[in-house]
């Protein structure tokens, strides 16, 4: 199977029956026909080959990015205007998507970026609490409940053709602190590099955005050299 076929097959295998604490609700976008159509068009456009990719791991899908389009860090605006996938979805911008597509543009064309890289999440499904995005590490009960799903998810990414040489982790705080020891325990990747999370940059350090974009370019170039 192509990389695209394997991603789509994995997403189809996910189901909204996870047992999680009652205060959190599962974010499951894959039963929406328009989400599936857009996601399928995206992966078939950029990943219809068998080439290995470097993974960039976010935390878990959010409401306005993957929670709508099915593609991590890609809101309906970027999906249509940058990736060339028309859609009738509500064009709400996501801060993280804005930053991500800036460093994609810095790499070159969108097609060239996705030829080398695959953006995903440690946890394949997202969470909502009180109508707002909720991260898997925001409480220990939720973290313990989804850890087996995270391990299965990473193993699935590796089986698709993600390189085990190096991975990039978006989030130098709790995301990194969760994944770094997990990687040591499980031996997923030979090397894992932390990067500031796109939303943190856009929300709290926007004036230094060029500095962080340059940091991403350096990390991307280093990782691409491992392929």
C-alpha atoms as a PDB file:
ATOM      1  CA  UNK A   1       0.000   0.000   0.000  1.00  0.00           C
ATOM      2  CA  UNK A   2       1.051   3.593  -0.527  1.00  0.00           C
ATOM      3  CA  UNK A   3       1.754   5.891   2.401  1.00  0.00           C
ATOM      4  CA  UNK A   4      -1.619   7.558   1.760  1.00  0.00           C
ATOM      5  CA  UNK A   5      -3.494   4.261   1.760  1.00  0.00           C
ATOM      6  CA  UNK A   6      -1.890   3.254   5.048  1.00  0.00           C
ATOM      7  CA  UNK A   7      -2.762   6.565   6.736  1.00  0.00           C
ATOM      8  CA  UNK A   8      -6.367   6.337   5.577  1.00  0.00           C
ATOM      9  CA  UNK A   9      -6.600   2.687   6.613  1.00  0.00           C
ATOM     10  CA  UNK A  10      -5.320   3.564  10.076  1.00  0.00           C
ATOM     11  CA  UNK A  11      -7.763   6.452  10.442  1.00  0.00           C
ATOM     12  CA  UNK A  12     -10.614   4.151   9.443  1.00  0.00           C
ATOM     13  CA  UNK A  13      -9.537   1.735  12.166  1.00  0.00           C
ATOM     14  CA  UNK A  14      -9.978   4.364  14.887  1.00  0.00           C
ATOM     15  CA  UNK A  15     -13.263   4.221  16.738  1.00  0.00           C
ATOM     16  CA  UNK A  16     -15.021   6.591  19.183  1.00  0.00           C
ATOM     17  CA  UNK A  17     -15.332   3.984  21.927  1.00  0.00           C
ATOM     18  CA  UNK A  18     -12.297   4.839  24.044  1.00  0.00           C
ATOM     19  CA  UNK A  19     -12.821   4.605  27.778  1.00  0.00           C
ATOM     20  CA  UNK A  20     -11.813   7.993  29.157  1.00  0.00           C
ATOM     21  CA  UNK A  21     -12.698  10.002  32.286  1.00  0.00           C
ATOM     22  CA  UNK A  22     -16.251  11.360  32.208  1.00  0.00           C
ATOM     23  CA  UNK A  23     -15.164  15.018  32.401  1.00  0.00           C
ATOM     24  CA  UNK A  24     -13.569  14.790  28.932  1.00  0.00           C
ATOM     25  CA  UNK A  25     -15.304  14.149  25.617  1.00  0.00           C
ATOM     26  CA  UNK A  26     -13.646  12.420  22.694  1.00  0.00           C
ATOM     27  CA  UNK A  27     -13.111  14.424  19.507  1.00  0.00           C
ATOM     28  CA  UNK A  28     -13.810  12.031  16.657  1.00  0.00           C
ATOM     29  CA  UNK A  29     -14.079  13.645  13.201  1.00  0.00           C
ATOM     30  CA  UNK A  30     -13.863  10.581  10.975  1.00  0.00           C
ATOM     31  CA  UNK A  31     -17.581   9.798  10.840  1.00  0.00           C
ATOM     32  CA  UNK A  32     -18.339  13.053   8.985  1.00  0.00           C
ATOM     33  CA  UNK A  33     -18.532  12.447   5.209  1.00  0.00           C
ATOM     34  CA  UNK A  34     -17.149  15.876   4.301  1.00  0.00           C
ATOM     35  CA  UNK A  35     -14.193  15.394   6.655  1.00  0.00           C
ATOM     36  CA  UNK A  36     -13.417  12.027   5.156  1.00  0.00           C
ATOM     37  CA  UNK A  37     -13.662  13.337   1.591  1.00  0.00           C
ATOM     38  CA  UNK A  38     -11.288  16.241   2.275  1.00  0.00           C
ATOM     39  CA  UNK A  39      -8.838  14.088   4.221  1.00  0.00           C
ATOM     40  CA  UNK A  40      -8.795  11.429   1.528  1.00  0.00           C
ATOM     41  CA  UNK A  41      -8.155  14.024  -1.185  1.00  0.00           C
ATOM     42  CA  UNK A  42      -5.303  15.527   0.848  1.00  0.00           C
ATOM     43  CA  UNK A  43      -3.435  12.288   1.518  1.00  0.00           C
ATOM     44  CA  UNK A  44      -3.929  10.979  -2.006  1.00  0.00           C
ATOM     45  CA  UNK A  45      -2.557  14.238  -3.385  1.00  0.00           C
ATOM     46  CA  UNK A  46       0.584  14.373  -1.252  1.00  0.00           C
ATOM     47  CA  UNK A  47       1.339  10.807  -0.131  1.00  0.00           C
ATOM     48  CA  UNK A  48       0.509   8.468  -3.024  1.00  0.00           C
ATOM     49  CA  UNK A  49       3.941   6.841  -2.958  1.00  0.00           C
ATOM     50  CA  UNK A  50       5.998   4.544  -0.763  1.00  0.00           C
ATOM     51  CA  UNK A  51       8.698   6.988   0.298  1.00  0.00           C
ATOM     52  CA  UNK A  52       9.716   7.248   3.980  1.00  0.00           C
ATOM     53  CA  UNK A  53       8.869  10.422   5.898  1.00  0.00           C
ATOM     54  CA  UNK A  54      10.082  12.247   8.972  1.00  0.00           C
ATOM     55  CA  UNK A  55       7.289  12.588  11.540  1.00  0.00           C
ATOM     56  CA  UNK A  56       6.406  15.822  13.310  1.00  0.00           C
ATOM     57  CA  UNK A  57       4.334  14.953  16.362  1.00  0.00           C
ATOM     58  CA  UNK A  58       1.811  17.359  17.809  1.00  0.00           C
ATOM     59  CA  UNK A  59      -0.217  16.629  20.959  1.00  0.00           C
ATOM     60  CA  UNK A  60      -3.702  15.579  19.849  1.00  0.00           C
ATOM     61  CA  UNK A  61      -6.189  16.902  17.261  1.00  0.00           C
ATOM     62  CA  UNK A  62      -7.902  20.210  17.989  1.00  0.00           C
ATOM     63  CA  UNK A  63     -11.407  21.444  17.197  1.00  0.00           C
ATOM     64  CA  UNK A  64     -10.534  23.778  14.318  1.00  0.00           C
ATOM     65  CA  UNK A  65      -7.757  21.824  12.591  1.00  0.00           C
ATOM     66  CA  UNK A  66      -7.765  18.024  12.437  1.00  0.00           C
ATOM     67  CA  UNK A  67     -11.076  18.034  14.299  1.00  0.00           C
ATOM     68  CA  UNK A  68     -12.622  19.491  11.143  1.00  0.00           C
ATOM     69  CA  UNK A  69     -10.438  18.429   8.195  1.00  0.00           C
ATOM     70  CA  UNK A  70      -9.005  15.204   9.622  1.00  0.00           C
ATOM     71  CA  UNK A  71      -5.468  16.451   8.856  1.00  0.00           C
ATOM     72  CA  UNK A  72      -3.334  17.658  11.803  1.00  0.00           C
ATOM     73  CA  UNK A  73      -2.633  21.409  11.925  1.00  0.00           C
ATOM     74  CA  UNK A  74      -4.539  21.995   8.686  1.00  0.00           C
ATOM     75  CA  UNK A  75      -7.646  24.151   9.050  1.00  0.00           C
ATOM     76  CA  UNK A  76     -10.219  24.497   6.235  1.00  0.00           C
ATOM     77  CA  UNK A  77      -8.606  27.771   5.101  1.00  0.00           C
ATOM     78  CA  UNK A  78      -5.135  26.303   4.605  1.00  0.00           C
ATOM     79  CA  UNK A  79      -6.655  23.115   3.202  1.00  0.00           C
ATOM     80  CA  UNK A  80      -8.263  25.070   0.384  1.00  0.00           C
ATOM     81  CA  UNK A  81      -5.975  28.051  -0.203  1.00  0.00           C
ATOM     82  CA  UNK A  82      -2.584  26.376   0.301  1.00  0.00           C
ATOM     83  CA  UNK A  83      -3.122  22.650  -0.201  1.00  0.00           C
ATOM     84  CA  UNK A  84      -5.532  23.103  -3.108  1.00  0.00           C
ATOM     85  CA  UNK A  85      -8.312  20.917  -1.673  1.00  0.00           C
ATOM     86  CA  UNK A  86     -11.667  22.740  -2.133  1.00  0.00           C
ATOM     87  CA  UNK A  87     -14.116  22.367   0.726  1.00  0.00           C
ATOM     88  CA  UNK A  88     -17.396  23.800   2.000  1.00  0.00           C
ATOM     89  CA  UNK A  89     -16.319  23.746   5.641  1.00  0.00           C
ATOM     90  CA  UNK A  90     -16.647  26.737   7.920  1.00  0.00           C
ATOM     91  CA  UNK A  91     -13.503  28.764   7.264  1.00  0.00           C
ATOM     92  CA  UNK A  92     -12.457  29.314  10.866  1.00  0.00           C
ATOM     93  CA  UNK A  93      -8.709  29.964  11.225  1.00  0.00           C
ATOM     94  CA  UNK A  94      -6.574  27.978  13.653  1.00  0.00           C
ATOM     95  CA  UNK A  95      -3.515  29.723  15.124  1.00  0.00           C
ATOM     96  CA  UNK A  96      -1.405  26.589  15.013  1.00  0.00           C
ATOM     97  CA  UNK A  97      -2.260  26.013  11.360  1.00  0.00           C
ATOM     98  CA  UNK A  98      -1.151  29.556  10.550  1.00  0.00           C
ATOM     99  CA  UNK A  99       2.308  28.943  12.022  1.00  0.00           C
ATOM    100  CA  UNK A 100       2.687  25.473  10.524  1.00  0.00           C
ATOM    101  CA  UNK A 101       1.987  26.671   7.007  1.00  0.00           C
ATOM    102  CA  UNK A 102       4.479  29.472   7.474  1.00  0.00           C
ATOM    103  CA  UNK A 103       7.301  27.013   8.112  1.00  0.00           C
ATOM    104  CA  UNK A 104       6.017  24.812   5.297  1.00  0.00           C
ATOM    105  CA  UNK A 105       6.284  27.840   2.986  1.00  0.00           C
ATOM    106  CA  UNK A 106       9.791  28.452   4.305  1.00  0.00           C
ATOM    107  CA  UNK A 107      10.781  24.960   3.228  1.00  0.00           C
ATOM    108  CA  UNK A 108       9.564  25.497  -0.329  1.00  0.00           C
ATOM    109  CA  UNK A 109       6.434  24.229  -2.022  1.00  0.00           C
ATOM    110  CA  UNK A 110       3.754  22.396  -0.058  1.00  0.00           C
ATOM    111  CA  UNK A 111       4.309  19.323  -2.220  1.00  0.00           C
ATOM    112  CA  UNK A 112       8.048  19.366  -1.548  1.00  0.00           C
ATOM    113  CA  UNK A 113       7.493  19.631   2.203  1.00  0.00           C
ATOM    114  CA  UNK A 114       5.106  16.684   2.314  1.00  0.00           C
ATOM    115  CA  UNK A 115       7.514  14.663   0.185  1.00  0.00           C
ATOM    116  CA  UNK A 116       9.852  14.658   3.182  1.00  0.00           C
ATOM    117  CA  UNK A 117       7.598  15.134   6.205  1.00  0.00           C
ATOM    118  CA  UNK A 118       4.439  13.772   7.776  1.00  0.00           C
ATOM    119  CA  UNK A 119       2.616  15.848  10.408  1.00  0.00           C
ATOM    120  CA  UNK A 120       0.762  13.760  12.953  1.00  0.00           C
ATOM    121  CA  UNK A 121      -0.032  13.691  16.689  1.00  0.00           C
ATOM    122  CA  UNK A 122       1.085  11.549  19.586  1.00  0.00           C
ATOM    123  CA  UNK A 123      -2.553  10.838  20.377  1.00  0.00           C
ATOM    124  CA  UNK A 124      -4.593  10.182  17.211  1.00  0.00           C
ATOM    125  CA  UNK A 125      -7.889  11.452  18.634  1.00  0.00           C
ATOM    126  CA  UNK A 126      -8.517  14.706  20.483  1.00  0.00           C
ATOM    127  CA  UNK A 127     -10.505  15.777  23.501  1.00  0.00           C
ATOM    128  CA  UNK A 128     -12.849  18.543  24.566  1.00  0.00           C
ATOM    129  CA  UNK A 129     -13.765  19.762  28.037  1.00  0.00           C
ATOM    130  CA  UNK A 130     -16.379  22.467  28.631  1.00  0.00           C
ATOM    131  CA  UNK A 131     -16.403  23.162  24.899  1.00  0.00           C
ATOM    132  CA  UNK A 132     -12.662  23.831  24.695  1.00  0.00           C
ATOM    133  CA  UNK A 133      -9.674  21.848  23.459  1.00  0.00           C
ATOM    134  CA  UNK A 134      -8.256  19.537  26.110  1.00  0.00           C
ATOM    135  CA  UNK A 135      -4.856  17.860  25.893  1.00  0.00           C
ATOM    136  CA  UNK A 136      -4.302  14.246  26.878  1.00  0.00           C
ATOM    137  CA  UNK A 137      -1.740  15.255  29.512  1.00  0.00           C
ATOM    138  CA  UNK A 138      -4.006  17.825  31.181  1.00  0.00           C
ATOM    139  CA  UNK A 139      -4.838  15.296  33.868  1.00  0.00           C
ATOM    140  CA  UNK A 140      -3.183  12.040  34.868  1.00  0.00           C
ATOM    141  CA  UNK A 141      -6.339   9.927  34.608  1.00  0.00           C
ATOM    142  CA  UNK A 142      -6.812  10.861  30.974  1.00  0.00           C
ATOM    143  CA  UNK A 143      -3.109  10.410  30.268  1.00  0.00           C
ATOM    144  CA  UNK A 144      -3.141   6.897  31.728  1.00  0.00           C
ATOM    145  CA  UNK A 145      -6.305   6.022  29.825  1.00  0.00           C
ATOM    146  CA  UNK A 146      -4.935   6.992  26.429  1.00  0.00           C
ATOM    147  CA  UNK A 147      -1.290   5.925  26.813  1.00  0.00           C
ATOM    148  CA  UNK A 148      -1.930   2.506  25.192  1.00  0.00           C
ATOM    149  CA  UNK A 149      -3.582   4.271  22.249  1.00  0.00           C
ATOM    150  CA  UNK A 150      -0.564   6.577  21.922  1.00  0.00           C
ATOM    151  CA  UNK A 151       1.840   3.641  21.870  1.00  0.00           C
ATOM    152  CA  UNK A 152      -0.271   1.847  19.251  1.00  0.00           C
ATOM    153  CA  UNK A 153      -0.472   5.052  17.227  1.00  0.00           C
ATOM    154  CA  UNK A 154       3.297   5.560  17.120  1.00  0.00           C
ATOM    155  CA  UNK A 155       3.886   1.940  16.185  1.00  0.00           C
ATOM    156  CA  UNK A 156       1.358   2.339  13.380  1.00  0.00           C
ATOM    157  CA  UNK A 157       3.153   5.435  12.081  1.00  0.00           C
ATOM    158  CA  UNK A 158       6.425   3.510  11.970  1.00  0.00           C
ATOM    159  CA  UNK A 159       4.776   0.650  10.104  1.00  0.00           C
ATOM    160  CA  UNK A 160       3.478   3.124   7.495  1.00  0.00           C
ATOM    161  CA  UNK A 161       6.998   4.185   6.578  1.00  0.00           C
ATOM    162  CA  UNK A 162       7.829   6.907   9.086  1.00  0.00           C
ATOM    163  CA  UNK A 163      11.592   6.937   9.594  1.00  0.00           C
ATOM    164  CA  UNK A 164      12.882   5.734  12.960  1.00  0.00           C
ATOM    165  CA  UNK A 165      16.066   7.791  12.629  1.00  0.00           C
ATOM    166  CA  UNK A 166      14.685  11.027  14.023  1.00  0.00           C
ATOM    167  CA  UNK A 167      11.333  12.541  14.993  1.00  0.00           C
ATOM    168  CA  UNK A 168      10.363  16.133  15.743  1.00  0.00           C
ATOM    169  CA  UNK A 169       8.065  16.847  18.671  1.00  0.00           C
ATOM    170  CA  UNK A 170       6.030  20.060  18.699  1.00  0.00           C
ATOM    171  CA  UNK A 171       5.869  21.162  22.302  1.00  0.00           C
ATOM    172  CA  UNK A 172       8.935  21.619  24.521  1.00  0.00           C
ATOM    173  CA  UNK A 173       6.885  21.423  27.732  1.00  0.00           C
ATOM    174  CA  UNK A 174       4.462  18.677  28.679  1.00  0.00           C
ATOM    175  CA  UNK A 175       4.354  17.047  25.245  1.00  0.00           C
ATOM    176  CA  UNK A 176       8.127  16.609  25.263  1.00  0.00           C
ATOM    177  CA  UNK A 177       8.199  15.549  28.919  1.00  0.00           C
ATOM    178  CA  UNK A 178       5.662  12.839  28.170  1.00  0.00           C
ATOM    179  CA  UNK A 179       7.223  11.563  24.970  1.00  0.00           C
ATOM    180  CA  UNK A 180      10.933  11.663  25.729  1.00  0.00           C
ATOM    181  CA  UNK A 181      10.834   8.995  28.484  1.00  0.00           C
ATOM    182  CA  UNK A 182       8.257   6.993  26.513  1.00  0.00           C
ATOM    183  CA  UNK A 183      10.606   6.929  23.541  1.00  0.00           C
ATOM    184  CA  UNK A 184      13.442   5.726  25.761  1.00  0.00           C
ATOM    185  CA  UNK A 185      11.235   2.949  27.126  1.00  0.00           C
ATOM    186  CA  UNK A 186       9.828   1.833  23.782  1.00  0.00           C
ATOM    187  CA  UNK A 187      12.774   2.611  21.481  1.00  0.00           C
ATOM    188  CA  UNK A 188      10.646   4.142  18.746  1.00  0.00           C
ATOM    189  CA  UNK A 189      13.187   6.644  17.402  1.00  0.00           C
ATOM    190  CA  UNK A 190      16.960   6.909  17.577  1.00  0.00           C
ATOM    191  CA  UNK A 191      16.681  10.644  18.162  1.00  0.00           C
ATOM    192  CA  UNK A 192      13.837  12.973  19.163  1.00  0.00           C
ATOM    193  CA  UNK A 193      14.101  16.759  18.829  1.00  0.00           C
ATOM    194  CA  UNK A 194      11.738  19.124  20.700  1.00  0.00           C
ATOM    195  CA  UNK A 195      10.404  22.283  19.065  1.00  0.00           C
ATOM    196  CA  UNK A 196       8.139  25.039  20.444  1.00  0.00           C
ATOM    197  CA  UNK A 197       4.472  24.308  19.890  1.00  0.00           C
ATOM    198  CA  UNK A 198       2.929  26.407  17.091  1.00  0.00           C
ATOM    199  CA  UNK A 199       0.057  27.659  19.245  1.00  0.00           C
ATOM    200  CA  UNK A 200       2.431  28.733  22.036  1.00  0.00           C
ATOM    201  CA  UNK A 201       4.440  30.746  19.530  1.00  0.00           C
ATOM    202  CA  UNK A 202       1.399  32.421  18.001  1.00  0.00           C
ATOM    203  CA  UNK A 203      -0.346  33.115  21.298  1.00  0.00           C
ATOM    204  CA  UNK A 204       2.543  34.106  23.550  1.00  0.00           C
ATOM    205  CA  UNK A 205       5.662  34.794  21.455  1.00  0.00           C
ATOM    206  CA  UNK A 206       4.341  36.160  18.167  1.00  0.00           C
ATOM    207  CA  UNK A 207       6.890  38.989  18.123  1.00  0.00           C
ATOM    208  CA  UNK A 208       9.638  36.353  17.998  1.00  0.00           C
ATOM    209  CA  UNK A 209       7.912  34.307  15.291  1.00  0.00           C
ATOM    210  CA  UNK A 210      10.745  34.682  12.767  1.00  0.00           C
ATOM    211  CA  UNK A 211      13.195  33.314  15.329  1.00  0.00           C
ATOM    212  CA  UNK A 212      11.066  30.229  15.884  1.00  0.00           C
ATOM    213  CA  UNK A 213      10.433  29.747  12.178  1.00  0.00           C
ATOM    214  CA  UNK A 214      14.196  29.711  11.670  1.00  0.00           C
ATOM    215  CA  UNK A 215      14.512  27.161  14.450  1.00  0.00           C
ATOM    216  CA  UNK A 216      12.028  24.947  12.626  1.00  0.00           C
ATOM    217  CA  UNK A 217      13.893  25.284   9.342  1.00  0.00           C
ATOM    218  CA  UNK A 218      17.145  24.184  10.988  1.00  0.00           C
ATOM    219  CA  UNK A 219      15.450  21.166  12.576  1.00  0.00           C
ATOM    220  CA  UNK A 220      13.684  20.227   9.327  1.00  0.00           C
ATOM    221  CA  UNK A 221      16.923  20.407   7.347  1.00  0.00           C
ATOM    222  CA  UNK A 222      18.728  18.279   9.931  1.00  0.00           C
ATOM    223  CA  UNK A 223      15.949  15.684   9.968  1.00  0.00           C
ATOM    224  CA  UNK A 224      15.637  15.545   6.192  1.00  0.00           C
ATOM    225  CA  UNK A 225      19.337  14.777   6.039  1.00  0.00           C
ATOM    226  CA  UNK A 226      18.638  11.559   7.970  1.00  0.00           C
ATOM    227  CA  UNK A 227      16.357  10.149   5.280  1.00  0.00           C
END
